[in-house]
PDB file of all heavy atoms in Angstrom:
ATOM      1  N   PHE A   1      70.912 119.040 114.654  1.00  0.00           N
ATOM      2  CA  PHE A   1      72.118 118.575 115.324  1.00  0.00           C
ATOM      3  C   PHE A   1      73.005 117.785 114.361  1.00  0.00           C
ATOM      4  O   PHE A   1      74.235 117.937 114.354  1.00  0.00           O
ATOM      5  CB  PHE A   1      71.735 117.704 116.523  1.00  0.00           C
ATOM      6  CG  PHE A   1      72.913 117.181 117.291  1.00  0.00           C
ATOM      7  CD1 PHE A   1      73.729 118.026 118.019  1.00  0.00           C
ATOM      8  CD2 PHE A   1      73.223 115.820 117.268  1.00  0.00           C
ATOM      9  CE1 PHE A   1      74.830 117.548 118.712  1.00  0.00           C
ATOM     10  CE2 PHE A   1      74.312 115.333 117.960  1.00  0.00           C
ATOM     11  CZ  PHE A   1      75.116 116.198 118.686  1.00  0.00           C
ATOM     12  N   LEU A   2      72.383 116.941 113.521  1.00  0.00           N
ATOM     13  CA  LEU A   2      73.147 116.132 112.571  1.00  0.00           C
ATOM     14  C   LEU A   2      73.861 116.996 111.536  1.00  0.00           C
ATOM     15  O   LEU A   2      74.965 116.676 111.102  1.00  0.00           O
ATOM     16  CB  LEU A   2      72.228 115.133 111.857  1.00  0.00           C
ATOM     17  CG  LEU A   2      71.832 113.894 112.646  1.00  0.00           C
ATOM     18  CD1 LEU A   2      70.864 113.046 111.848  1.00  0.00           C
ATOM     19  CD2 LEU A   2      73.054 113.064 113.015  1.00  0.00           C
ATOM     20  N   ASN A   3      73.216 118.095 111.139  1.00  0.00           N
ATOM     21  CA  ASN A   3      73.863 118.981 110.169  1.00  0.00           C
ATOM     22  C   ASN A   3      75.137 119.592 110.745  1.00  0.00           C
ATOM     23  O   ASN A   3      76.120 119.803 110.026  1.00  0.00           O
ATOM     24  CB  ASN A   3      72.892 120.084 109.740  1.00  0.00           C
ATOM     25  CG  ASN A   3      71.805 119.558 108.833  1.00  0.00           C
ATOM     26  OD1 ASN A   3      72.070 118.781 107.925  1.00  0.00           O
ATOM     27  ND2 ASN A   3      70.573 119.962 109.070  1.00  0.00           N
ATOM     28  N   LEU A   4      75.122 119.872 112.042  1.00  0.00           N
ATOM     29  CA  LEU A   4      76.337 120.350 112.702  1.00  0.00           C
ATOM     30  C   LEU A   4      77.396 119.252 112.721  1.00  0.00           C
ATOM     31  O   LEU A   4      78.592 119.508 112.546  1.00  0.00           O
ATOM     32  CB  LEU A   4      76.019 120.814 114.127  1.00  0.00           C
ATOM     33  CG  LEU A   4      75.042 121.996 114.250  1.00  0.00           C
ATOM     34  CD1 LEU A   4      74.773 122.309 115.726  1.00  0.00           C
ATOM     35  CD2 LEU A   4      75.589 123.224 113.538  1.00  0.00           C
ATOM     36  N   ILE A   5      76.931 118.016 112.945  1.00  0.00           N
ATOM     37  CA  ILE A   5      77.855 116.875 112.924  1.00  0.00           C
ATOM     38  C   ILE A   5      78.455 116.698 111.535  1.00  0.00           C
ATOM     39  O   ILE A   5      79.632 116.344 111.390  1.00  0.00           O
ATOM     40  CB  ILE A   5      77.136 115.585 113.368  1.00  0.00           C
ATOM     41  CG1 ILE A   5      76.773 115.672 114.852  1.00  0.00           C
ATOM     42  CG2 ILE A   5      77.996 114.356 113.101  1.00  0.00           C
ATOM     43  CD1 ILE A   5      76.074 114.441 115.397  1.00  0.00           C
ATOM     44  N   PHE A   6      77.651 116.942 110.483  1.00  0.00           N
ATOM     45  CA  PHE A   6      78.150 116.810 109.118  1.00  0.00           C
ATOM     46  C   PHE A   6      79.319 117.767 108.866  1.00  0.00           C
ATOM     47  O   PHE A   6      80.273 117.424 108.181  1.00  0.00           O
ATOM     48  CB  PHE A   6      77.030 117.090 108.103  1.00  0.00           C
ATOM     49  CG  PHE A   6      76.021 115.978 108.016  1.00  0.00           C
ATOM     50  CD1 PHE A   6      74.711 116.249 107.663  1.00  0.00           C
ATOM     51  CD2 PHE A   6      76.368 114.671 108.280  1.00  0.00           C
ATOM     52  CE1 PHE A   6      73.769 115.236 107.580  1.00  0.00           C
ATOM     53  CE2 PHE A   6      75.441 113.644 108.216  1.00  0.00           C
ATOM     54  CZ  PHE A   6      74.137 113.927 107.867  1.00  0.00           C
ATOM     55  N   TRP A   7      79.227 118.974 109.425  1.00  0.00           N
ATOM     56  CA  TRP A   7      80.340 119.918 109.272  1.00  0.00           C
ATOM     57  C   TRP A   7      81.594 119.396 109.980  1.00  0.00           C
ATOM     58  O   TRP A   7      82.697 119.478 109.450  1.00  0.00           O
ATOM     59  CB  TRP A   7      79.952 121.273 109.841  1.00  0.00           C
ATOM     60  CG  TRP A   7      79.098 122.067 108.907  1.00  0.00           C
ATOM     61  CD1 TRP A   7      79.041 121.941 107.540  1.00  0.00           C
ATOM     62  CD2 TRP A   7      78.180 123.109 109.250  1.00  0.00           C
ATOM     63  NE1 TRP A   7      78.144 122.835 107.018  1.00  0.00           N
ATOM     64  CE2 TRP A   7      77.599 123.573 108.029  1.00  0.00           C
ATOM     65  CE3 TRP A   7      77.794 123.702 110.444  1.00  0.00           C
ATOM     66  CZ2 TRP A   7      76.664 124.595 107.998  1.00  0.00           C
ATOM     67  CZ3 TRP A   7      76.860 124.732 110.408  1.00  0.00           C
ATOM     68  CH2 TRP A   7      76.298 125.167 109.205  1.00  0.00           C
ATOM     69  N   ALA A   8      81.394 118.857 111.180  1.00  0.00           N
ATOM     70  CA  ALA A   8      82.529 118.283 111.905  1.00  0.00           C
ATOM     71  C   ALA A   8      83.067 117.065 111.151  1.00  0.00           C
ATOM     72  O   ALA A   8      84.282 116.865 111.045  1.00  0.00           O
ATOM     73  CB  ALA A   8      82.103 117.890 113.323  1.00  0.00           C
ATOM     74  N   ALA A   9      82.134 116.263 110.620  1.00  0.00           N
ATOM     75  CA  ALA A   9      82.529 115.056 109.878  1.00  0.00           C
ATOM     76  C   ALA A   9      83.335 115.422 108.640  1.00  0.00           C
ATOM     77  O   ALA A   9      84.290 114.722 108.278  1.00  0.00           O
ATOM     78  CB  ALA A   9      81.287 114.259 109.482  1.00  0.00           C
ATOM     79  N   ALA A  10      82.941 116.524 107.986  1.00  0.00           N
ATOM     80  CA  ALA A  10      83.660 116.961 106.793  1.00  0.00           C
ATOM     81  C   ALA A  10      85.124 117.237 107.123  1.00  0.00           C
ATOM     82  O   ALA A  10      86.033 116.822 106.396  1.00  0.00           O
ATOM     83  CB  ALA A  10      83.002 118.213 106.215  1.00  0.00           C
ATOM     84  N   GLY A  11      85.348 117.919 108.242  1.00  0.00           N
ATOM     85  CA  GLY A  11      86.720 118.210 108.653  1.00  0.00           C
ATOM     86  C   GLY A  11      87.495 116.950 108.999  1.00  0.00           C
ATOM     87  O   GLY A  11      88.656 116.798 108.615  1.00  0.00           O
ATOM     88  N   ILE A  12      86.830 116.024 109.701  1.00  0.00           N
ATOM     89  CA  ILE A  12      87.498 114.786 110.108  1.00  0.00           C
ATOM     90  C   ILE A  12      87.839 113.920 108.896  1.00  0.00           C
ATOM     91  O   ILE A  12      88.939 113.362 108.794  1.00  0.00           O
ATOM     92  CB  ILE A  12      86.619 113.999 111.100  1.00  0.00           C
ATOM     93  CG1 ILE A  12      86.477 114.792 112.410  1.00  0.00           C
ATOM     94  CG2 ILE A  12      87.215 112.625 111.377  1.00  0.00           C
ATOM     95  CD1 ILE A  12      85.501 114.179 113.382  1.00  0.00           C
ATOM     96  N   LEU A  13      86.898 113.801 107.964  1.00  0.00           N
ATOM     97  CA  LEU A  13      87.140 112.989 106.775  1.00  0.00           C
ATOM     98  C   LEU A  13      88.280 113.561 105.932  1.00  0.00           C
ATOM     99  O   LEU A  13      89.121 112.816 105.430  1.00  0.00           O
ATOM    100  CB  LEU A  13      85.862 112.892 105.937  1.00  0.00           C
ATOM    101  CG  LEU A  13      84.766 111.970 106.470  1.00  0.00           C
ATOM    102  CD1 LEU A  13      83.537 112.045 105.591  1.00  0.00           C
ATOM    103  CD2 LEU A  13      85.255 110.533 106.558  1.00  0.00           C
ATOM    104  N   CYS A  14      88.296 114.877 105.776  1.00  0.00           N
ATOM    105  CA  CYS A  14      89.392 115.502 105.021  1.00  0.00           C
ATOM    106  C   CYS A  14      90.727 115.272 105.732  1.00  0.00           C
ATOM    107  O   CYS A  14      91.757 115.059 105.086  1.00  0.00           O
ATOM    108  CB  CYS A  14      89.131 116.995 104.846  1.00  0.00           C
ATOM    109  SG  CYS A  14      87.793 117.356 103.675  1.00  0.00           S
ATOM    110  N   TYR A  15      90.704 115.303 107.065  1.00  0.00           N
ATOM    111  CA  TYR A  15      91.927 115.049 107.838  1.00  0.00           C
ATOM    112  C   TYR A  15      92.410 113.609 107.620  1.00  0.00           C
ATOM    113  O   TYR A  15      93.601 113.371 107.413  1.00  0.00           O
ATOM    114  CB  TYR A  15      91.676 115.293 109.322  1.00  0.00           C
ATOM    115  CG  TYR A  15      92.828 114.858 110.206  1.00  0.00           C
ATOM    116  CD1 TYR A  15      93.945 115.674 110.372  1.00  0.00           C
ATOM    117  CD2 TYR A  15      92.788 113.630 110.858  1.00  0.00           C
ATOM    118  CE1 TYR A  15      95.005 115.276 111.158  1.00  0.00           C
ATOM    119  CE2 TYR A  15      93.851 113.217 111.649  1.00  0.00           C
ATOM    120  CZ  TYR A  15      94.955 114.040 111.798  1.00  0.00           C
ATOM    121  OH  TYR A  15      95.999 113.628 112.575  1.00  0.00           O
ATOM    122  N   VAL A  16      91.458 112.657 107.665  1.00  0.00           N
ATOM    123  CA  VAL A  16      91.816 111.245 107.450  1.00  0.00           C
ATOM    124  C   VAL A  16      92.404 111.049 106.060  1.00  0.00           C
ATOM    125  O   VAL A  16      93.420 110.373 105.882  1.00  0.00           O
ATOM    126  CB  VAL A  16      90.583 110.335 107.649  1.00  0.00           C
ATOM    127  CG1 VAL A  16      90.899 108.904 107.215  1.00  0.00           C
ATOM    128  CG2 VAL A  16      90.138 110.345 109.106  1.00  0.00           C
ATOM    129  N   GLY A  17      91.749 111.652 105.055  1.00  0.00           N
ATOM    130  CA  GLY A  17      92.257 111.533 103.690  1.00  0.00           C
ATOM    131  C   GLY A  17      93.643 112.133 103.542  1.00  0.00           C
ATOM    132  O   GLY A  17      94.519 111.545 102.903  1.00  0.00           O
ATOM    133  N   ALA A  18      93.845 113.316 104.146  1.00  0.00           N
ATOM    134  CA  ALA A  18      95.159 113.966 104.081  1.00  0.00           C
ATOM    135  C   ALA A  18      96.211 113.136 104.810  1.00  0.00           C
ATOM    136  O   ALA A  18      97.354 113.020 104.354  1.00  0.00           O
ATOM    137  CB  ALA A  18      95.080 115.367 104.684  1.00  0.00           C
ATOM    138  N   TYR A  19      95.809 112.535 105.935  1.00  0.00           N
ATOM    139  CA  TYR A  19      96.735 111.680 106.693  1.00  0.00           C
ATOM    140  C   TYR A  19      97.186 110.491 105.852  1.00  0.00           C
ATOM    141  O   TYR A  19      98.364 110.112 105.861  1.00  0.00           O
ATOM    142  CB  TYR A  19      96.049 111.182 107.969  1.00  0.00           C
ATOM    143  CG  TYR A  19      96.839 110.130 108.720  1.00  0.00           C
ATOM    144  CD1 TYR A  19      97.938 110.473 109.498  1.00  0.00           C
ATOM    145  CD2 TYR A  19      96.499 108.779 108.629  1.00  0.00           C
ATOM    146  CE1 TYR A  19      98.671 109.518 110.173  1.00  0.00           C
ATOM    147  CE2 TYR A  19      97.223 107.811 109.292  1.00  0.00           C
ATOM    148  CZ  TYR A  19      98.304 108.182 110.060  1.00  0.00           C
ATOM    149  OH  TYR A  19      99.028 107.217 110.711  1.00  0.00           O
ATOM    150  N   VAL A  20      96.244 109.903 105.097  1.00  0.00           N
ATOM    151  CA  VAL A  20      96.589 108.779 104.232  1.00  0.00           C
ATOM    152  C   VAL A  20      97.598 109.225 103.177  1.00  0.00           C
ATOM    153  O   VAL A  20      98.590 108.530 102.918  1.00  0.00           O
ATOM    154  CB  VAL A  20      95.320 108.207 103.556  1.00  0.00           C
ATOM    155  CG1 VAL A  20      95.700 107.157 102.508  1.00  0.00           C
ATOM    156  CG2 VAL A  20      94.394 107.581 104.600  1.00  0.00           C
ATOM    157  N   PHE A  21      97.359 110.391 102.556  1.00  0.00           N
ATOM    158  CA  PHE A  21      98.277 110.899 101.537  1.00  0.00           C
ATOM    159  C   PHE A  21      99.671 111.146 102.107  1.00  0.00           C
ATOM    160  O   PHE A  21     100.677 110.750 101.523  1.00  0.00           O
ATOM    161  CB  PHE A  21      97.737 112.206 100.950  1.00  0.00           C
ATOM    162  CG  PHE A  21      96.860 112.008  99.748  1.00  0.00           C
ATOM    163  CD1 PHE A  21      95.489 112.161  99.845  1.00  0.00           C
ATOM    164  CD2 PHE A  21      97.402 111.654  98.528  1.00  0.00           C
ATOM    165  CE1 PHE A  21      94.679 111.972  98.748  1.00  0.00           C
ATOM    166  CE2 PHE A  21      96.603 111.461  97.419  1.00  0.00           C
ATOM    167  CZ  PHE A  21      95.234 111.624  97.527  1.00  0.00           C
ATOM    168  N   ILE A  22      99.729 111.810 103.255  1.00  0.00           N
ATOM    169  CA  ILE A  22     101.018 112.153 103.863  1.00  0.00           C
ATOM    170  C   ILE A  22     101.776 110.895 104.278  1.00  0.00           C
ATOM    171  O   ILE A  22     102.981 110.764 104.034  1.00  0.00           O
ATOM    172  CB  ILE A  22     100.809 113.079 105.077  1.00  0.00           C
ATOM    173  CG1 ILE A  22     100.268 114.430 104.619  1.00  0.00           C
ATOM    174  CG2 ILE A  22     102.126 113.270 105.841  1.00  0.00           C
ATOM    175  CD1 ILE A  22      99.845 115.336 105.757  1.00  0.00           C
ATOM    176  N   THR A  23     101.051 109.957 104.912  1.00  0.00           N
ATOM    177  CA  THR A  23     101.697 108.724 105.357  1.00  0.00           C
ATOM    178  C   THR A  23     102.148 107.883 104.177  1.00  0.00           C
ATOM    179  O   THR A  23     103.241 107.309 104.176  1.00  0.00           O
ATOM    180  CB  THR A  23     100.737 107.907 106.241  1.00  0.00           C
ATOM    181  OG1 THR A  23     100.247 108.737 107.299  1.00  0.00           O
ATOM    182  CG2 THR A  23     101.445 106.693 106.835  1.00  0.00           C
ATOM    183  N   TYR A  24     101.298 107.820 103.142  1.00  0.00           N
ATOM    184  CA  TYR A  24     101.655 107.042 101.952  1.00  0.00           C
ATOM    185  C   TYR A  24     102.913 107.603 101.301  1.00  0.00           C
ATOM    186  O   TYR A  24     103.740 106.847 100.787  1.00  0.00           O
ATOM    187  CB  TYR A  24     100.495 107.050 100.959  1.00  0.00           C
ATOM    188  CG  TYR A  24     100.751 106.224  99.716  1.00  0.00           C
ATOM    189  CD1 TYR A  24     100.444 104.864  99.684  1.00  0.00           C
ATOM    190  CD2 TYR A  24     101.322 106.790  98.578  1.00  0.00           C
ATOM    191  CE1 TYR A  24     100.693 104.105  98.548  1.00  0.00           C
ATOM    192  CE2 TYR A  24     101.574 106.044  97.447  1.00  0.00           C
ATOM    193  CZ  TYR A  24     101.252 104.698  97.439  1.00  0.00           C
ATOM    194  OH  TYR A  24     101.518 103.958  96.313  1.00  0.00           O
ATOM    195  N   ASP A  25     103.064 108.916 101.337  1.00  0.00           N
ATOM    196  CA  ASP A  25     104.219 109.552 100.717  1.00  0.00           C
ATOM    197  C   ASP A  25     105.519 109.078 101.354  1.00  0.00           C
ATOM    198  O   ASP A  25     106.564 109.019 100.697  1.00  0.00           O
ATOM    199  CB  ASP A  25     104.092 111.078 100.836  1.00  0.00           C
ATOM    200  CG  ASP A  25     105.189 111.794 100.085  1.00  0.00           C
ATOM    201  OD1 ASP A  25     105.317 111.577  98.860  1.00  0.00           O
ATOM    202  OD2 ASP A  25     105.939 112.567 100.713  1.00  0.00           O
ATOM    203  N   ASP A  26     105.460 108.732 102.645  1.00  0.00           N
ATOM    204  CA  ASP A  26     106.651 108.241 103.337  1.00  0.00           C
ATOM    205  C   ASP A  26     106.998 106.804 102.949  1.00  0.00           C
ATOM    206  O   ASP A  26     108.135 106.370 103.130  1.00  0.00           O
ATOM    207  CB  ASP A  26     106.446 108.309 104.857  1.00  0.00           C
ATOM    208  CG  ASP A  26     106.308 109.740 105.344  1.00  0.00           C
ATOM    209  OD1 ASP A  26     106.931 110.628 104.739  1.00  0.00           O
ATOM    210  OD2 ASP A  26     105.566 109.967 106.321  1.00  0.00           O
ATOM    211  N   TYR A  27     106.003 106.087 102.431  1.00  0.00           N
ATOM    212  CA  TYR A  27     106.213 104.663 102.139  1.00  0.00           C
ATOM    213  C   TYR A  27     106.020 104.320 100.662  1.00  0.00           C
ATOM    214  O   TYR A  27     106.056 103.151 100.295  1.00  0.00           O
ATOM    215  CB  TYR A  27     105.241 103.815 102.972  1.00  0.00           C
ATOM    216  CG  TYR A  27     105.427 103.967 104.457  1.00  0.00           C
ATOM    217  CD1 TYR A  27     104.708 104.919 105.185  1.00  0.00           C
ATOM    218  CD2 TYR A  27     106.335 103.165 105.153  1.00  0.00           C
ATOM    219  CE1 TYR A  27     104.890 105.071 106.552  1.00  0.00           C
ATOM    220  CE2 TYR A  27     106.518 103.313 106.515  1.00  0.00           C
ATOM    221  CZ  TYR A  27     105.784 104.270 107.206  1.00  0.00           C
ATOM    222  OH  TYR A  27     105.966 104.413 108.557  1.00  0.00           O
ATOM    223  N   ASP A  28     105.823 105.341  99.808  1.00  0.00           N
ATOM    224  CA  ASP A  28     105.468 105.048  98.421  1.00  0.00           C
ATOM    225  C   ASP A  28     106.581 104.336  97.653  1.00  0.00           C
ATOM    226  O   ASP A  28     106.306 103.660  96.663  1.00  0.00           O
ATOM    227  CB  ASP A  28     105.050 106.322  97.681  1.00  0.00           C
ATOM    228  CG  ASP A  28     106.162 107.362  97.619  1.00  0.00           C
ATOM    229  OD1 ASP A  28     107.173 107.185  98.344  1.00  0.00           O
ATOM    230  OD2 ASP A  28     106.023 108.334  96.862  1.00  0.00           O
ATOM    231  N   HIS A  29     107.835 104.469  98.110  1.00  0.00           N
ATOM    232  CA  HIS A  29     108.923 103.756  97.438  1.00  0.00           C
ATOM    233  C   HIS A  29     108.833 102.254  97.650  1.00  0.00           C
ATOM    234  O   HIS A  29     109.396 101.470  96.882  1.00  0.00           O
ATOM    235  CB  HIS A  29     110.285 104.251  97.949  1.00  0.00           C
ATOM    236  CG  HIS A  29     110.596 105.641  97.527  1.00  0.00           C
ATOM    237  ND1 HIS A  29     110.247 106.738  98.278  1.00  0.00           N
ATOM    238  CD2 HIS A  29     111.202 106.136  96.413  1.00  0.00           C
ATOM    239  CE1 HIS A  29     110.647 107.846  97.664  1.00  0.00           C
ATOM    240  NE2 HIS A  29     111.221 107.507  96.537  1.00  0.00           N
ATOM    241  N   PHE A  30     108.123 101.855  98.685  1.00  0.00           N
ATOM    242  CA  PHE A  30     108.046 100.432  99.013  1.00  0.00           C
ATOM    243  C   PHE A  30     106.773  99.782  98.473  1.00  0.00           C
ATOM    244  O   PHE A  30     106.579  98.583  98.600  1.00  0.00           O
ATOM    245  CB  PHE A  30     108.082 100.234 100.532  1.00  0.00           C
ATOM    246  CG  PHE A  30     109.285 100.849 101.169  1.00  0.00           C
ATOM    247  CD1 PHE A  30     109.220 102.114 101.736  1.00  0.00           C
ATOM    248  CD2 PHE A  30     110.504 100.189 101.166  1.00  0.00           C
ATOM    249  CE1 PHE A  30     110.331 102.689 102.312  1.00  0.00           C
ATOM    250  CE2 PHE A  30     111.622 100.762 101.736  1.00  0.00           C
ATOM    251  CZ  PHE A  30     111.536 102.009 102.307  1.00  0.00           C
ATOM    252  N   PHE A  31     105.903 100.613  97.896  1.00  0.00           N
ATOM    253  CA  PHE A  31     104.637 100.073  97.398  1.00  0.00           C
ATOM    254  C   PHE A  31     104.287 100.796  96.108  1.00  0.00           C
ATOM    255  O   PHE A  31     103.947 101.967  96.118  1.00  0.00           O
ATOM    256  CB  PHE A  31     103.526 100.265  98.446  1.00  0.00           C
ATOM    257  CG  PHE A  31     102.288  99.480  98.134  1.00  0.00           C
ATOM    258  CD1 PHE A  31     102.279  98.100  98.261  1.00  0.00           C
ATOM    259  CD2 PHE A  31     101.131 100.122  97.725  1.00  0.00           C
ATOM    260  CE1 PHE A  31     101.140  97.376  97.977  1.00  0.00           C
ATOM    261  CE2 PHE A  31      99.983  99.398  97.446  1.00  0.00           C
ATOM    262  CZ  PHE A  31      99.984  98.029  97.573  1.00  0.00           C
ATOM    263  N   GLU A  32     104.340 100.078  94.978  1.00  0.00           N
ATOM    264  CA  GLU A  32     104.221 100.707  93.673  1.00  0.00           C
ATOM    265  C   GLU A  32     102.784 100.908  93.201  1.00  0.00           C
ATOM    266  O   GLU A  32     102.549 101.627  92.244  1.00  0.00           O
ATOM    267  CB  GLU A  32     104.982  99.857  92.633  1.00  0.00           C
ATOM    268  CG  GLU A  32     106.481  99.783  92.928  1.00  0.00           C
ATOM    269  CD  GLU A  32     107.208  98.857  91.980  1.00  0.00           C
ATOM    270  OE1 GLU A  32     106.523  98.040  91.336  1.00  0.00           O
ATOM    271  OE2 GLU A  32     108.439  98.947  91.895  1.00  0.00           O
ATOM    272  N   ASP A  33     101.806 100.288  93.845  1.00  0.00           N
ATOM    273  CA  ASP A  33     100.418 100.376  93.396  1.00  0.00           C
ATOM    274  C   ASP A  33      99.792 101.691  93.866  1.00  0.00           C
ATOM    275  O   ASP A  33      99.318 101.807  94.985  1.00  0.00           O
ATOM    276  CB  ASP A  33      99.622  99.183  93.948  1.00  0.00           C
ATOM    277  CG  ASP A  33      98.224  99.104  93.345  1.00  0.00           C
ATOM    278  OD1 ASP A  33      97.898  99.966  92.505  1.00  0.00           O
ATOM    279  OD2 ASP A  33      97.474  98.194  93.708  1.00  0.00           O
ATOM    280  N   VAL A  34      99.768 102.700  92.974  1.00  0.00           N
ATOM    281  CA  VAL A  34      99.217 104.007  93.342  1.00  0.00           C
ATOM    282  C   VAL A  34      97.706 103.952  93.536  1.00  0.00           C
ATOM    283  O   VAL A  34      97.116 104.876  94.107  1.00  0.00           O
ATOM    284  CB  VAL A  34      99.548 105.065  92.263  1.00  0.00           C
ATOM    285  CG1 VAL A  34     101.046 105.297  92.190  1.00  0.00           C
ATOM    286  CG2 VAL A  34      99.010 104.643  90.899  1.00  0.00           C
ATOM    287  N   TYR A  35      97.059 102.891  93.044  1.00  0.00           N
ATOM    288  CA  TYR A  35      95.612 102.781  93.189  1.00  0.00           C
ATOM    289  C   TYR A  35      95.193 102.623  94.644  1.00  0.00           C
ATOM    290  O   TYR A  35      94.016 102.742  94.968  1.00  0.00           O
ATOM    291  CB  TYR A  35      95.086 101.600  92.352  1.00  0.00           C
ATOM    292  CG  TYR A  35      95.287 101.809  90.871  1.00  0.00           C
ATOM    293  CD1 TYR A  35      96.259 101.090  90.178  1.00  0.00           C
ATOM    294  CD2 TYR A  35      94.533 102.741  90.174  1.00  0.00           C
ATOM    295  CE1 TYR A  35      96.450 101.295  88.827  1.00  0.00           C
ATOM    296  CE2 TYR A  35      94.722 102.948  88.819  1.00  0.00           C
ATOM    297  CZ  TYR A  35      95.675 102.219  88.143  1.00  0.00           C
ATOM    298  OH  TYR A  35      95.880 102.431  86.801  1.00  0.00           O
TER     299      TYR A  35
END
């Protein structure tokens, strides 16, 4: 069951990471620290 959850988790984590990138792109002019 957990291995199935890991597949779902993989999709969710990639979505969260992509969301951070997309959202940051809208505000990157206001925050210069790319780290």
